[in-house]
Amino acid sequence: MMTRLDTVVIGGGAMGSAAAWALANRGREVTLLEQFTPGHKLGASHGSTRNLNLGYKDPTYVGMLVEALELWKLLGEQSGTAPIVRTGTVNHGNPDQQAQTIAALAGTTIRTEELTAQEAGERWRGIRFRGPVLHLPDGGQLNPDAALPAFQSVAAASGAHVRHHVKVTGLRILGDAEAELTLETASGTEVVRARTVVTTAGAWTRGLLDPAFAGRAELPTLTVTQEQPLHFAVADPGAVWPGFNHSLLSGSPGFEYAYSPVYGMSTPGEGVKAGWHGTGAITDPDHRSFAAEPAQQLALREYARTWLPGVDPDAFTEISCTYTSTQDEAFILDRIGPVVIGAGFSGQGFKFTPVIGRILADLVDGSGPAPAAFAAGRRIADPSFALARSRMPLKR
């Protein structure tokens, strides 16, 4: 007997959980399928801290940030959790970019404050600053380990069916309003059909979509990398830690070893997290080593030695997660036939999670399009990002 469903969401990470939440809040019938156990650490949505950096200058992202802050608040009210810790964030290293961000955020509900390096150093002595600093007091940290269960529990309370340990091994498009899914479960194989399928499968996205869309549609390039931030032990117990984002200007003295800009934040009980952005080796999500690449790790420790005087650069624990990135680092939020695609969040998506859930729900019920910048078929003007990643060795 064929099971027929209205909307199936593939992938119970941040974006899939938020999509199920948004759809269930609208009274839609929705089934969320996750291949792993709750709280697993095999993808991109685990851990207790994510950077709530509000320092964007693109109008599309600024508008999404303003909405996201309201929707995170709504999730907290519905679930009884506190998904945001308001430590504030500080951005430094690129004065021109900081000035553009201040101009872009003017007139929004997101507050900004300009500080000198000396003023910032007096407030946050665990970080070394050079040049002007942009303080965003509404920023801070988000907690994936709390947020994902919150999205799923509220969705379930509103009628969503949440299933873990269910792997989608096949997706077949039958028409503009019907798709067939093959599922592997503990009790065997199931086949279901749905009017709409939302794919939020992270690093496993192309494995699902490539066979489904073969010859039907041009799909964007997605590159999966294994990223390797570190938790450094705190050396100055009296230091106050905001989230921090350091733009390293090419050619600047002291940055010779840098792989990329650096982000970081305090993770209570684990230390101060710091990491390069999007510099990991290309990986297969089913065959990861979870081990840090030695040269990048050494460079990150050198960064901490110079720029984070409040930590011990020689005392650290490794972290491993995946990025699934587009060539231009813009998201993919689009619909092709019965399939809604949410992918390519490029290491910057978590702060936008509830807005992305709302956009995906809009694409399901036809209540509104996604921003044009996120179209699956968009042209990438500068493919250098993907080319740079393609030169990295496969990390297994």
Protein backbone atom coordinates (compact mmCIF):
# COMPACT_ATOMS: atom_id res chain seq x y z
CA MET A 1 0.00 0.00 0.00
CA MET A 2 1.41 3.37 -1.05
CA THR A 3 1.61 6.03 1.66
CA ARG A 4 0.64 9.47 0.39
CA LEU A 5 1.73 12.61 2.22
CA ASP A 6 1.35 16.33 1.69
CA THR A 7 4.81 17.75 2.47
CA VAL A 8 7.98 15.82 3.34
CA VAL A 9 11.07 17.60 4.64
CA ILE A 10 14.33 15.69 4.10
CA GLY A 11 16.94 16.52 6.73
CA GLY A 12 16.30 17.36 10.38
CA GLY A 13 19.16 19.81 10.84
CA ALA A 14 18.63 23.50 11.44
CA MET A 15 16.94 24.41 8.16
CA GLY A 16 14.75 21.34 7.89
CA SER A 17 13.61 21.70 11.49
CA ALA A 18 12.81 25.37 10.90
CA ALA A 19 10.89 24.55 7.72
CA ALA A 20 8.81 21.94 9.57
CA TRP A 21 8.21 24.49 12.34
CA ALA A 22 7.06 27.18 9.90
CA LEU A 23 4.79 24.80 7.99
CA ALA A 24 3.26 23.29 11.12
CA ASN A 25 2.62 26.78 12.51
CA ARG A 26 0.52 27.38 9.38
CA GLY A 27 -1.46 24.23 9.93
CA ARG A 28 0.16 22.35 7.06
CA GLU A 29 0.56 18.60 7.13
CA VAL A 30 4.31 17.96 7.28
CA THR A 31 6.60 14.99 7.89
CA LEU A 32 10.24 15.62 8.85
CA LEU A 33 12.74 12.84 8.09
CA GLU A 34 16.23 12.71 9.63
CA GLN A 35 18.65 9.88 8.89
CA PHE A 36 20.58 10.12 12.17
CA THR A 37 19.81 10.24 15.87
CA PRO A 38 18.79 13.51 17.59
CA GLY A 39 21.82 15.59 18.52
CA HIS A 40 24.22 13.81 16.15
CA LYS A 41 27.54 15.46 15.25
CA LEU A 42 27.91 14.32 11.65
CA GLY A 43 26.77 17.47 9.86
CA ALA A 44 26.64 21.22 10.41
CA SER A 45 23.94 21.75 13.05
CA HIS A 46 25.54 20.56 16.28
CA GLY A 47 27.32 22.25 19.16
CA SER A 48 26.23 24.81 21.72
CA THR A 49 27.42 28.03 20.07
CA ARG A 50 26.99 29.69 16.69
CA ASN A 51 28.02 33.22 15.81
CA LEU A 52 25.14 35.71 15.76
CA ASN A 53 27.07 38.23 13.69
CA LEU A 54 24.75 41.04 12.56
CA GLY A 55 27.45 42.87 10.62
CA TYR A 56 25.99 42.63 7.10
CA LYS A 57 25.72 45.38 4.50
CA ASP A 58 23.73 43.68 1.72
CA PRO A 59 20.06 44.82 1.95
CA THR A 60 18.72 41.30 1.40
CA TYR A 61 20.66 39.87 4.33
CA VAL A 62 20.01 42.91 6.53
CA GLY A 63 16.25 42.51 6.05
CA MET A 64 16.53 38.81 6.85
CA LEU A 65 18.51 39.55 10.01
CA VAL A 66 15.87 41.96 11.30
CA GLU A 67 13.19 39.32 10.69
CA ALA A 68 15.34 36.56 12.16
CA LEU A 69 15.68 38.34 15.49
CA GLU A 70 11.90 38.51 15.77
CA LEU A 71 11.44 34.88 14.77
CA TRP A 72 14.12 33.66 17.20
CA LYS A 73 12.15 35.52 19.88
CA LEU A 74 8.95 33.79 18.74
CA LEU A 75 10.61 30.37 18.91
CA GLY A 76 11.75 31.13 22.44
CA GLU A 77 8.23 32.11 23.49
CA GLN A 78 6.69 29.02 21.92
CA SER A 79 9.25 26.56 23.27
CA GLY A 80 10.18 28.11 26.61
CA THR A 81 13.86 28.21 25.60
CA ALA A 82 16.32 31.07 25.20
CA PRO A 83 18.03 30.46 21.83
CA ILE A 84 20.13 33.67 21.94
CA VAL A 85 22.76 34.73 24.46
CA ARG A 86 23.28 38.48 24.01
CA THR A 87 26.98 38.94 24.56
CA GLY A 88 27.25 41.39 21.67
CA THR A 89 29.71 40.97 18.81
CA VAL A 90 32.72 43.01 17.70
CA ASN A 91 33.92 43.31 14.11
CA HIS A 92 37.37 44.67 13.37
CA GLY A 93 40.16 44.66 10.82
CA ASN A 94 38.45 46.32 7.84
CA PRO A 95 37.41 49.94 8.55
CA ASP A 96 35.83 50.50 5.13
CA GLN A 97 33.65 47.42 5.45
CA GLN A 98 32.68 48.41 8.99
CA ALA A 99 31.61 51.88 7.81
CA GLN A 100 29.48 50.32 5.07
CA THR A 101 27.86 48.04 7.63
CA ILE A 102 27.00 50.96 9.90
CA ALA A 103 25.38 52.76 6.96
CA ALA A 104 23.42 49.64 5.95
CA LEU A 105 22.08 49.07 9.48
CA ALA A 106 21.08 52.71 10.03
CA GLY A 107 17.34 52.96 10.42
CA THR A 108 16.91 49.29 11.36
CA THR A 109 16.35 47.90 14.84
CA ILE A 110 19.94 46.59 14.91
CA ARG A 111 22.14 48.89 17.00
CA THR A 112 25.73 49.82 16.17
CA GLU A 113 28.52 51.46 18.14
CA GLU A 114 31.94 52.64 16.94
CA LEU A 115 34.92 52.26 19.27
CA THR A 116 38.62 52.93 19.09
CA ALA A 117 41.03 50.03 19.49
CA GLN A 118 41.93 51.32 22.96
CA GLU A 119 38.28 51.56 24.06
CA ALA A 120 37.54 48.06 22.77
CA GLY A 121 40.66 46.64 24.41
CA GLU A 122 39.63 48.07 27.76
CA ARG A 123 36.20 46.41 27.53
CA TRP A 124 37.37 43.10 26.06
CA ARG A 125 40.93 42.52 27.16
CA GLY A 126 40.96 38.95 25.88
CA ILE A 127 41.10 40.27 22.29
CA ARG A 128 43.77 42.45 20.68
CA PHE A 129 42.51 45.19 18.37
CA ARG A 130 44.21 47.38 15.80
CA GLY A 131 42.16 50.19 14.27
CA PRO A 132 38.46 51.04 14.73
CA VAL A 133 36.01 48.47 16.08
CA LEU A 134 32.32 47.98 15.27
CA HIS A 135 30.33 46.83 18.30
CA LEU A 136 26.93 45.22 17.63
CA PRO A 137 25.28 44.93 21.06
CA ASP A 138 22.31 42.94 19.73
CA GLY A 139 24.58 40.13 18.50
CA GLY A 140 25.88 37.18 20.46
CA GLN A 141 25.59 33.42 20.26
CA LEU A 142 22.93 30.94 19.20
CA ASN A 143 22.68 27.42 20.61
CA PRO A 144 22.03 24.69 18.00
CA ASP A 145 21.78 21.97 20.65
CA ALA A 146 18.82 23.85 22.14
CA ALA A 147 17.35 25.35 18.97
CA LEU A 148 16.88 22.16 16.96
CA PRO A 149 14.85 20.36 19.65
CA ALA A 150 12.86 23.58 20.14
CA PHE A 151 11.94 23.81 16.45
CA GLN A 152 11.02 20.13 16.34
CA SER A 153 9.04 20.06 19.59
CA VAL A 154 6.95 23.09 18.63
CA ALA A 155 6.41 21.62 15.15
CA ALA A 156 5.32 18.30 16.65
CA ALA A 157 2.97 20.04 19.07
CA SER A 158 1.39 21.70 16.02
CA GLY A 159 0.89 18.37 14.26
CA ALA A 160 4.16 17.69 12.45
CA HIS A 161 5.35 14.09 12.27
CA VAL A 162 9.07 13.97 13.18
CA ARG A 163 10.94 10.75 12.36
CA HIS A 164 14.61 10.02 13.12
CA HIS A 165 16.67 7.08 11.83
CA VAL A 166 14.94 7.32 8.44
CA LYS A 167 17.29 7.66 5.47
CA VAL A 168 16.00 8.79 2.09
CA THR A 169 17.84 6.63 -0.43
CA GLY A 170 15.90 7.67 -3.52
CA LEU A 171 13.97 10.68 -4.81
CA ARG A 172 12.00 10.44 -8.05
CA ILE A 173 9.99 13.24 -9.63
CA LEU A 174 6.67 12.00 -10.98
CA GLY A 175 5.17 15.32 -12.03
CA ASP A 176 4.88 18.99 -11.14
CA ALA A 177 2.99 18.14 -7.96
CA GLU A 178 4.19 14.67 -6.97
CA ALA A 179 7.44 12.99 -5.98
CA GLU A 180 8.28 9.50 -4.78
CA LEU A 181 10.73 8.78 -1.96
CA THR A 182 12.38 5.50 -1.02
CA LEU A 183 13.13 5.28 2.71
CA GLU A 184 15.36 2.96 4.68
CA THR A 185 14.14 2.44 8.23
CA ALA A 186 14.86 0.08 11.09
CA SER A 187 11.94 -2.07 9.98
CA GLY A 188 12.81 -2.13 6.29
CA THR A 189 12.18 -0.21 3.08
CA GLU A 190 9.25 2.15 2.65
CA VAL A 191 8.02 4.00 -0.43
CA VAL A 192 6.01 7.19 -0.01
CA ARG A 193 4.67 9.83 -2.34
CA ALA A 194 4.32 13.51 -1.51
CA ARG A 195 2.87 16.59 -3.17
CA THR A 196 5.92 18.60 -2.13
CA VAL A 197 9.40 17.62 -0.96
CA VAL A 198 11.68 20.07 0.86
CA THR A 199 15.34 19.06 0.64
CA THR A 200 17.45 20.46 3.47
CA ALA A 201 19.97 17.65 3.54
CA GLY A 202 23.13 19.72 3.95
CA ALA A 203 26.22 17.86 2.81
CA TRP A 204 24.04 15.07 1.37
CA THR A 205 22.02 17.40 -0.90
CA ARG A 206 23.67 16.66 -4.24
CA GLY A 207 23.50 12.93 -3.65
CA LEU A 208 19.72 13.24 -3.55
CA LEU A 209 19.16 15.90 -6.18
CA ASP A 210 21.58 14.88 -8.93
CA PRO A 211 19.77 11.61 -9.76
CA ALA A 212 16.35 13.21 -9.30
CA PHE A 213 17.01 16.12 -11.66
CA ALA A 214 19.20 14.38 -14.24
CA GLY A 215 18.29 16.01 -17.55
CA ARG A 216 15.52 18.11 -15.99
CA ALA A 217 17.21 21.14 -14.49
CA GLU A 218 20.60 22.74 -14.07
CA LEU A 219 21.63 22.51 -10.44
CA PRO A 220 24.11 24.78 -8.69
CA THR A 221 27.58 23.71 -7.66
CA LEU A 222 27.79 22.72 -4.00
CA THR A 223 31.14 22.06 -2.34
CA VAL A 224 31.32 20.16 0.96
CA THR A 225 34.31 20.87 3.18
CA GLN A 226 35.40 19.69 6.60
CA GLU A 227 36.06 22.72 8.81
CA GLN A 228 38.23 22.61 11.92
CA PRO A 229 37.80 25.37 14.49
CA LEU A 230 39.36 25.00 17.92
CA HIS A 231 38.23 25.59 21.49
CA PHE A 232 41.09 27.33 23.28
CA ALA A 233 41.42 27.16 27.04
CA VAL A 234 40.82 30.48 28.80
CA ALA A 235 44.01 31.98 30.25
CA ASP A 236 42.41 35.15 31.66
CA PRO A 237 39.40 34.18 33.79
CA GLY A 238 38.46 37.85 34.25
CA ALA A 239 38.16 38.60 30.53
CA VAL A 240 34.71 39.34 29.07
CA TRP A 241 34.08 37.71 25.70
CA PRO A 242 31.81 39.05 22.97
CA GLY A 243 31.50 37.21 19.70
CA PHE A 244 34.26 38.42 17.39
CA ASN A 245 34.81 38.66 13.65
CA HIS A 246 38.23 39.69 12.42
CA SER A 247 38.62 40.67 8.77
CA LEU A 248 42.25 40.11 7.89
CA LEU A 249 43.25 42.56 5.16
CA SER A 250 45.58 41.02 2.61
CA GLY A 251 49.15 42.21 2.99
CA SER A 252 48.69 43.62 6.47
CA PRO A 253 51.61 42.95 8.84
CA GLY A 254 50.96 40.09 11.23
CA PHE A 255 48.55 38.27 8.93
CA GLU A 256 51.07 36.41 6.78
CA TYR A 257 49.92 33.00 8.03
CA ALA A 258 46.18 33.72 7.74
CA TYR A 259 43.93 31.44 5.69
CA SER A 260 40.85 33.69 5.86
CA PRO A 261 38.97 36.00 8.21
CA VAL A 262 38.54 34.61 11.73
CA TYR A 263 35.35 34.23 13.74
CA GLY A 264 35.03 33.26 17.38
CA MET A 265 33.07 33.31 20.61
CA SER A 266 33.05 31.94 24.13
CA THR A 267 31.51 28.49 24.57
CA PRO A 268 30.71 28.04 28.28
CA GLY A 269 32.48 25.02 29.74
CA GLU A 270 34.52 24.41 26.58
CA GLY A 271 36.66 27.51 26.05
CA VAL A 272 36.88 30.21 23.41
CA LYS A 273 36.06 28.99 19.91
CA ALA A 274 37.99 30.40 16.96
CA GLY A 275 38.13 29.28 13.36
CA TRP A 276 38.99 30.09 9.78
CA HIS A 277 36.00 30.60 7.50
CA GLY A 278 35.52 28.11 4.68
CA THR A 279 39.10 26.90 4.30
CA GLY A 280 38.63 23.21 5.04
CA ALA A 281 39.47 20.40 2.66
CA ILE A 282 36.82 18.97 0.36
CA THR A 283 35.24 15.92 1.95
CA ASP A 284 32.70 13.15 1.48
CA PRO A 285 30.18 13.46 4.36
CA ASP A 286 30.02 9.67 4.69
CA HIS A 287 33.81 9.23 4.86
CA ARG A 288 35.18 12.00 7.05
CA SER A 289 38.31 11.74 9.14
CA PHE A 290 37.17 14.35 11.72
CA ALA A 291 40.88 15.13 12.19
CA ALA A 292 42.27 18.64 11.86
CA GLU A 293 44.64 19.52 9.02
CA PRO A 294 47.95 20.25 10.80
CA ALA A 295 49.05 23.36 8.88
CA GLN A 296 45.72 25.13 9.34
CA GLN A 297 45.62 24.17 13.00
CA LEU A 298 49.11 25.55 13.57
CA ALA A 299 48.20 28.78 11.80
CA LEU A 300 45.08 29.17 13.94
CA ARG A 301 47.16 28.70 17.09
CA GLU A 302 49.52 31.40 15.85
CA TYR A 303 46.54 33.66 15.30
CA ALA A 304 45.41 33.05 18.89
CA ARG A 305 48.92 33.70 20.19
CA THR A 306 48.94 37.13 18.54
CA TRP A 307 45.33 38.30 18.63
CA LEU A 308 43.69 36.49 21.57
CA PRO A 309 45.78 37.25 24.67
CA GLY A 310 42.98 35.92 26.87
CA VAL A 311 43.46 32.30 25.76
CA ASP A 312 46.19 29.68 25.97
CA PRO A 313 47.15 28.91 22.34
CA ASP A 314 48.81 25.67 23.40
CA ALA A 315 45.76 24.25 25.23
CA PHE A 316 42.88 23.42 22.91
CA THR A 317 40.37 20.84 21.74
CA GLU A 318 39.50 20.16 18.12
CA ILE A 319 36.06 20.66 16.61
CA SER A 320 34.87 19.23 13.30
CA CYS A 321 31.89 20.26 11.21
CA THR A 322 30.93 20.60 7.56
CA TYR A 323 30.25 23.57 5.32
CA THR A 324 28.15 23.07 2.19
CA SER A 325 28.98 26.10 0.08
CA THR A 326 27.92 27.70 -3.17
CA GLN A 327 30.39 29.40 -5.51
CA ASP A 328 29.26 32.89 -4.43
CA GLU A 329 28.44 31.93 -0.79
CA ALA A 330 24.80 32.98 -1.34
CA PHE A 331 22.12 30.49 -0.30
CA ILE A 332 20.00 28.33 -2.59
CA LEU A 333 16.30 28.79 -1.81
CA ASP A 334 14.15 27.80 -4.76
CA ARG A 335 11.49 25.47 -6.10
CA ILE A 336 11.75 23.18 -9.12
CA GLY A 337 8.54 21.25 -9.76
CA PRO A 338 7.51 19.48 -6.55
CA VAL A 339 10.95 19.96 -4.93
CA VAL A 340 11.81 22.92 -2.71
CA ILE A 341 15.56 23.32 -2.24
CA GLY A 342 17.26 24.79 0.83
CA ALA A 343 21.01 24.39 0.51
CA GLY A 344 24.42 26.02 0.23
CA PHE A 345 24.42 27.96 3.49
CA SER A 346 28.19 28.41 3.21
CA GLY A 347 29.01 28.59 6.89
CA GLN A 348 26.86 31.65 7.50
CA GLY A 349 23.32 30.29 7.56
CA PHE A 350 22.54 29.45 11.17
CA LYS A 351 21.72 32.99 12.29
CA PHE A 352 19.08 33.12 9.51
CA THR A 353 17.54 29.73 10.36
CA PRO A 354 13.95 30.77 11.24
CA VAL A 355 13.75 33.12 8.24
CA ILE A 356 14.97 30.37 5.96
CA GLY A 357 12.28 28.13 7.42
CA ARG A 358 9.70 30.81 6.63
CA ILE A 359 10.96 31.22 3.04
CA LEU A 360 10.92 27.46 2.46
CA ALA A 361 7.36 27.32 3.80
CA ASP A 362 6.40 30.14 1.42
CA LEU A 363 7.81 28.13 -1.48
CA VAL A 364 5.81 25.09 -0.39
CA ASP A 365 2.46 26.85 -0.21
CA GLY A 366 3.07 29.39 -2.97
CA SER A 367 2.61 32.42 -0.74
CA GLY A 368 5.75 34.17 -1.94
CA PRO A 369 9.00 33.77 -3.88
CA ALA A 370 12.46 33.61 -2.38
CA PRO A 371 14.84 36.53 -3.00
CA ALA A 372 16.19 36.40 -6.55
CA ALA A 373 19.76 36.28 -5.23
CA PHE A 374 19.07 32.75 -3.98
CA ALA A 375 17.71 31.26 -7.22
CA ALA A 376 19.07 27.83 -8.09
CA GLY A 377 19.69 28.83 -11.70
CA ARG A 378 21.48 32.11 -11.05
CA ARG A 379 24.70 32.91 -12.87
CA ILE A 380 27.84 33.09 -10.77
CA ALA A 381 29.88 36.08 -11.86
CA ASP A 382 33.10 35.06 -10.12
CA PRO A 383 33.71 31.33 -9.69
CA SER A 384 37.06 31.86 -7.95
CA PHE A 385 35.65 30.71 -4.61
CA ALA A 386 34.80 27.26 -5.98
CA LEU A 387 38.04 27.07 -7.94
CA ALA A 388 40.05 27.75 -4.80
CA ARG A 389 38.23 24.97 -2.97
CA SER A 390 38.67 22.54 -5.85
CA ARG A 391 42.43 22.75 -5.38
CA MET A 392 42.20 21.51 -1.81
CA PRO A 393 42.88 17.79 -1.23
CA LEU A 394 40.01 15.45 -0.42
CA LYS A 395 39.88 14.95 3.34
CA ARG A 396 38.83 11.45 4.34
